Amino acid sequence: MNHHRFILHLNVADFAVAVERVVDLSLRQKPVIVAPLQAARAAVYDMSEEAYRDGVRKGMLLNRATRICRAARVLAPRFDLYRKAMASFVNEARSYSPVLEYGAEDGHLYLDITGTHRLFGTPPDVGWRLHRQIRSKLEIDPIWSLAGSKLVSKIGSRLVKPVGEYIVANGDEQRFLAPLPLHLLPGLKGFERQRLSEFNIVRIGELAALTRMQLHGVFGRRGETLFELSRGIDDGAVRPEEAQPPRVVREHIFSNDCADRTVLKGVVTALAAQLGMELRLTRMAVRRVGLQLDYTDGATISRQASVRKGTADDDCLQRLALTALERALTRRTRVRSCRLIGDRLHPRSPQLRLFSDSTSGQKKEHLLAAMDRIRQRFGREAIRLGSQPVLP
């Protein structure tokens, strides 16, 4: 492992709740649950620390969660708001290093600040300064942890939730990990933890005491990975932002778990229309549309459909989305949520068409532009197909 790296992990605990509390100050210090409203089988998307202490968990049915935490304020998820908040969060961190990695709108990011001390001071100074900056400008309070690897910095941030900071010096990884319970170790699978408990191994240090041969005898080739994880060995690089392909995402959580293909098609076409509007406003086009279905039993299936030439046209996007849906509907289980992803983005060409279909093509573009203006002024549901449901 490289003992000279400095990886900063920032995590805004309960990100959706934290963003909602910035918008509505009355929610602070009170139990909050984010979930689709008015549905018996809606699932918890996020919850505050107060609700967590009462026993509420992500993915729990909403009716059960509200029985456990009767004082909770239940809010419908606002994914557009969370995406904007995440973009602002990333922009604040970007000024300290170009080597930055983040995923979905979950409040997590990694920052490789190796070699930046001449510009910003020591690595701990960067952590404290960035924390103060984010709290001052965005009014959210991220946890942060500093270590020589992504693995150890992530574990450090888990120890101080919901607020705080943790610094693990290079070379202290094994001493830091040894007394910690196994469930804090990222990458350790549930069945592996169960198997280790059969050998009365419940702490990371006890796992690290096993040799490669012993681990290989129980877990096969997976034993080498467990050997390195238990010792904090992680040479994985922070993936620069440029390495993450840009994409446009729209998501919907069903009020009641759904198995009706007609309803699913209506939701997917509505998401495709939202996708098209954003692409046209940013003058971008996509060559692939992906669909991710999350089922009631926890399974996830993803399928894609693509075109050779990029598009921002609603009709084409809807055809791609419905094709992906047909490929994804391979199970009879109800669907809990779906996410539509447009990727392989590129700027739309301003070049006009030269052939006979140019007039009809221009008319359609003018029509879509007029519809977009109406939606911007009166809401995106002001114009929609009759088969499309009203989405939150």
Foldseek 3Di string as FASTA:
>chain_A
DDLQWKKKKKAQAQLQLLLVCLVPVVCPPFKEFEWDPDFQFIFTCTIDPVLVVLPHDGRHGPVVSCVSPVRYHYHYGDQVSLQVLVVVLVVLVCVQAQLKADDGSGRIIMGTNRPSCVPQNDPVSVVVVSQVVCCVPVVTGIEMEMGRAPQQRQLQSVVDPPHDYYYDRRPCQLVVQFAAFPVSQPPQDPVNCVVVVVVVDGGLNSLLVDDLVVQCVPPNPCSVVSNCSSRVNDPDGRHGPVVDFDKDKDKAFDSYFAQDPLQVLQALLLRLLVQLLVCVVVQKFFFKKKKWWQFSVGDIFMFMFGHPDTDSQSVVSSVRSVVRVVVRPPDRTTTGMMMMMGGPMDGHDPDQDDDDCRVVVVVSVVVSVVLSVVCVVPNVVPDDDPSHDDGD
